[in-house]
Amino acid sequence: MEYSGERRGFNSPLNVGETYDVTIEDVGREGDGITRVEGFVVFVPNTKKGDTVKIRVTKVSRRVGFAEVVAE
């Protein structure tokens, strides 16, 4: 599977480097918080359900995105 984290991913509304204000909706099996941006699933480490945070997109794959917290 080839992956390019720097380009807009397929049907993804996300671009690497963009920031969003989000609320963490759930927690994945690896312990990362899960939110959605325009319906697209984004994993955010070091968050828990109910957190409201500002995130920056770090990677985009075919089905999901990854982000880091930049402000709480």
N, C-alpha and C. Protein backbone atom coordinates (compact mmCIF):
# COMPACT_ATOMS: atom_id res chain seq x y z
N MET A 1 0.84 -1.18 0.00
CA MET A 1 0.00 0.00 0.00
C MET A 1 0.89 1.24 0.00
N GLU A 2 0.72 2.07 -0.99
CA GLU A 2 1.51 3.29 -1.08
C GLU A 2 0.79 4.41 -0.34
N TYR A 3 1.57 5.27 0.28
CA TYR A 3 0.98 6.33 1.11
C TYR A 3 1.76 7.61 0.93
N SER A 4 1.04 8.70 0.73
CA SER A 4 1.67 10.01 0.69
C SER A 4 0.95 10.91 1.68
N GLY A 5 1.59 11.19 2.79
CA GLY A 5 0.97 12.01 3.83
C GLY A 5 0.93 13.48 3.50
N GLU A 6 1.62 13.89 2.46
CA GLU A 6 1.69 15.31 2.15
C GLU A 6 0.63 15.78 1.16
N ARG A 7 0.02 14.87 0.43
CA ARG A 7 -0.98 15.34 -0.52
C ARG A 7 -2.38 15.03 -0.03
N ARG A 8 -3.32 15.78 -0.54
CA ARG A 8 -4.70 15.57 -0.14
C ARG A 8 -5.08 14.15 -0.48
N GLY A 9 -5.69 13.46 0.47
CA GLY A 9 -5.96 12.04 0.31
C GLY A 9 -7.30 11.73 -0.33
N PHE A 10 -7.33 11.32 -1.56
CA PHE A 10 -8.46 10.71 -2.22
C PHE A 10 -9.75 11.50 -2.01
N ASN A 11 -10.69 10.98 -1.21
CA ASN A 11 -11.93 11.71 -0.95
C ASN A 11 -11.88 12.47 0.37
N SER A 12 -10.69 12.71 0.85
CA SER A 12 -10.53 13.35 2.15
C SER A 12 -10.76 14.85 2.08
N PRO A 13 -11.48 15.41 3.07
CA PRO A 13 -11.64 16.85 3.15
C PRO A 13 -10.43 17.50 3.83
N LEU A 14 -9.45 16.69 4.24
CA LEU A 14 -8.32 17.17 5.03
C LEU A 14 -7.07 17.42 4.19
N ASN A 15 -6.27 18.37 4.65
CA ASN A 15 -4.93 18.61 4.12
C ASN A 15 -3.97 18.68 5.30
N VAL A 16 -2.78 18.12 5.12
CA VAL A 16 -1.76 18.18 6.16
C VAL A 16 -1.48 19.64 6.50
N GLY A 17 -1.43 19.94 7.80
CA GLY A 17 -1.13 21.29 8.26
C GLY A 17 -2.36 22.12 8.61
N GLU A 18 -3.54 21.71 8.16
CA GLU A 18 -4.75 22.45 8.49
C GLU A 18 -5.09 22.28 9.97
N THR A 19 -5.74 23.28 10.55
CA THR A 19 -6.16 23.20 11.95
C THR A 19 -7.68 23.26 12.04
N TYR A 20 -8.19 22.62 13.07
CA TYR A 20 -9.63 22.56 13.31
C TYR A 20 -9.89 22.59 14.81
N ASP A 21 -11.02 23.18 15.21
CA ASP A 21 -11.50 23.09 16.58
C ASP A 21 -12.49 21.93 16.60
N VAL A 22 -12.23 20.93 17.44
CA VAL A 22 -13.05 19.72 17.44
C VAL A 22 -13.37 19.27 18.86
N THR A 23 -14.36 18.40 18.97
CA THR A 23 -14.66 17.69 20.22
C THR A 23 -14.41 16.22 19.97
N ILE A 24 -13.68 15.58 20.87
CA ILE A 24 -13.38 14.16 20.75
C ILE A 24 -14.66 13.37 21.04
N GLU A 25 -15.07 12.54 20.08
CA GLU A 25 -16.34 11.82 20.16
C GLU A 25 -16.23 10.44 20.77
N ASP A 26 -15.05 9.83 20.66
CA ASP A 26 -14.89 8.45 21.11
C ASP A 26 -13.41 8.17 21.31
N VAL A 27 -13.08 6.96 21.76
CA VAL A 27 -11.69 6.54 21.92
C VAL A 27 -11.50 5.23 21.18
N GLY A 28 -10.45 5.16 20.36
CA GLY A 28 -10.17 3.95 19.58
C GLY A 28 -9.51 2.88 20.42
N ARG A 29 -9.35 1.70 19.83
CA ARG A 29 -8.79 0.56 20.57
C ARG A 29 -7.34 0.76 20.95
N GLU A 30 -6.64 1.67 20.27
CA GLU A 30 -5.24 1.98 20.63
C GLU A 30 -5.16 3.07 21.70
N GLY A 31 -6.33 3.64 22.07
CA GLY A 31 -6.37 4.66 23.10
C GLY A 31 -6.38 6.09 22.58
N ASP A 32 -6.30 6.25 21.26
CA ASP A 32 -6.35 7.60 20.67
C ASP A 32 -7.78 8.11 20.61
N GLY A 33 -7.93 9.43 20.81
CA GLY A 33 -9.24 10.03 20.66
C GLY A 33 -9.66 10.01 19.20
N ILE A 34 -10.97 9.98 18.97
CA ILE A 34 -11.52 9.97 17.62
C ILE A 34 -12.47 11.14 17.46
N THR A 35 -12.30 11.89 16.39
CA THR A 35 -13.23 12.95 16.04
C THR A 35 -13.54 12.82 14.56
N ARG A 36 -14.41 13.66 14.06
CA ARG A 36 -14.72 13.67 12.63
C ARG A 36 -14.66 15.10 12.13
N VAL A 37 -14.10 15.25 10.94
CA VAL A 37 -14.07 16.54 10.25
C VAL A 37 -14.78 16.32 8.92
N GLU A 38 -15.92 16.97 8.74
CA GLU A 38 -16.75 16.78 7.55
C GLU A 38 -17.02 15.30 7.30
N GLY A 39 -17.24 14.54 8.38
CA GLY A 39 -17.56 13.13 8.29
C GLY A 39 -16.34 12.21 8.19
N PHE A 40 -15.15 12.78 8.07
CA PHE A 40 -13.92 12.01 7.90
C PHE A 40 -13.31 11.74 9.27
N VAL A 41 -13.01 10.48 9.58
CA VAL A 41 -12.49 10.09 10.88
C VAL A 41 -11.05 10.58 11.06
N VAL A 42 -10.79 11.19 12.23
CA VAL A 42 -9.45 11.68 12.56
C VAL A 42 -9.07 11.16 13.94
N PHE A 43 -7.88 10.54 14.03
CA PHE A 43 -7.35 10.05 15.30
C PHE A 43 -6.45 11.11 15.92
N VAL A 44 -6.65 11.34 17.24
CA VAL A 44 -5.90 12.37 17.96
C VAL A 44 -5.34 11.77 19.25
N PRO A 45 -4.02 11.50 19.29
CA PRO A 45 -3.42 10.92 20.50
C PRO A 45 -3.53 11.87 21.71
N ASN A 46 -3.47 11.28 22.89
CA ASN A 46 -3.45 12.03 24.15
C ASN A 46 -4.72 12.85 24.39
N THR A 47 -5.84 12.34 23.93
CA THR A 47 -7.13 12.99 24.19
C THR A 47 -8.10 11.93 24.70
N LYS A 48 -9.20 12.40 25.28
CA LYS A 48 -10.23 11.48 25.75
C LYS A 48 -11.60 12.00 25.34
N LYS A 49 -12.57 11.13 25.38
CA LYS A 49 -13.93 11.47 24.97
C LYS A 49 -14.41 12.71 25.71
N GLY A 50 -14.96 13.66 24.98
CA GLY A 50 -15.48 14.89 25.57
C GLY A 50 -14.51 16.06 25.52
N ASP A 51 -13.22 15.80 25.27
CA ASP A 51 -12.25 16.90 25.17
C ASP A 51 -12.59 17.81 23.99
N THR A 52 -12.48 19.11 24.19
CA THR A 52 -12.61 20.08 23.11
C THR A 52 -11.24 20.69 22.90
N VAL A 53 -10.66 20.47 21.71
CA VAL A 53 -9.28 20.86 21.44
C VAL A 53 -9.13 21.42 20.04
N LYS A 54 -8.03 22.13 19.83
CA LYS A 54 -7.64 22.57 18.49
C LYS A 54 -6.60 21.57 18.00
N ILE A 55 -6.80 21.03 16.80
CA ILE A 55 -5.88 20.03 16.25
C ILE A 55 -5.24 20.53 14.96
N ARG A 56 -4.07 19.96 14.66
CA ARG A 56 -3.39 20.19 13.37
C ARG A 56 -3.23 18.82 12.71
N VAL A 57 -3.67 18.71 11.46
CA VAL A 57 -3.58 17.46 10.71
C VAL A 57 -2.12 17.16 10.40
N THR A 58 -1.68 15.93 10.74
CA THR A 58 -0.29 15.53 10.52
C THR A 58 -0.14 14.51 9.40
N LYS A 59 -1.17 13.69 9.17
CA LYS A 59 -1.14 12.67 8.11
C LYS A 59 -2.55 12.45 7.60
N VAL A 60 -2.66 12.08 6.33
CA VAL A 60 -3.95 11.73 5.74
C VAL A 60 -3.77 10.45 4.95
N SER A 61 -4.62 9.44 5.23
CA SER A 61 -4.60 8.21 4.44
C SER A 61 -5.92 8.08 3.70
N ARG A 62 -6.12 6.95 3.05
CA ARG A 62 -7.35 6.75 2.26
C ARG A 62 -8.62 6.91 3.09
N ARG A 63 -8.61 6.36 4.31
CA ARG A 63 -9.84 6.30 5.09
C ARG A 63 -9.85 7.15 6.35
N VAL A 64 -8.68 7.52 6.85
CA VAL A 64 -8.62 8.25 8.12
C VAL A 64 -7.53 9.31 8.08
N GLY A 65 -7.63 10.23 9.04
CA GLY A 65 -6.59 11.23 9.21
C GLY A 65 -5.99 11.11 10.60
N PHE A 66 -4.87 11.75 10.79
CA PHE A 66 -4.18 11.78 12.08
C PHE A 66 -3.84 13.22 12.38
N ALA A 67 -3.94 13.59 13.65
CA ALA A 67 -3.69 14.97 14.03
C ALA A 67 -3.06 15.04 15.40
N GLU A 68 -2.50 16.20 15.72
CA GLU A 68 -1.94 16.45 17.05
C GLU A 68 -2.65 17.64 17.66
N VAL A 69 -2.72 17.65 18.97
CA VAL A 69 -3.33 18.77 19.69
C VAL A 69 -2.38 19.95 19.66
N VAL A 70 -2.90 21.13 19.29
CA VAL A 70 -2.08 22.34 19.32
C VAL A 70 -2.57 23.32 20.39
N ALA A 71 -3.80 23.13 20.88
CA ALA A 71 -4.31 23.97 21.98
C ALA A 71 -5.51 23.26 22.61
N GLU A 72 -5.63 23.45 23.93
CA GLU A 72 -6.78 22.85 24.63
C GLU A 72 -7.74 23.92 25.08
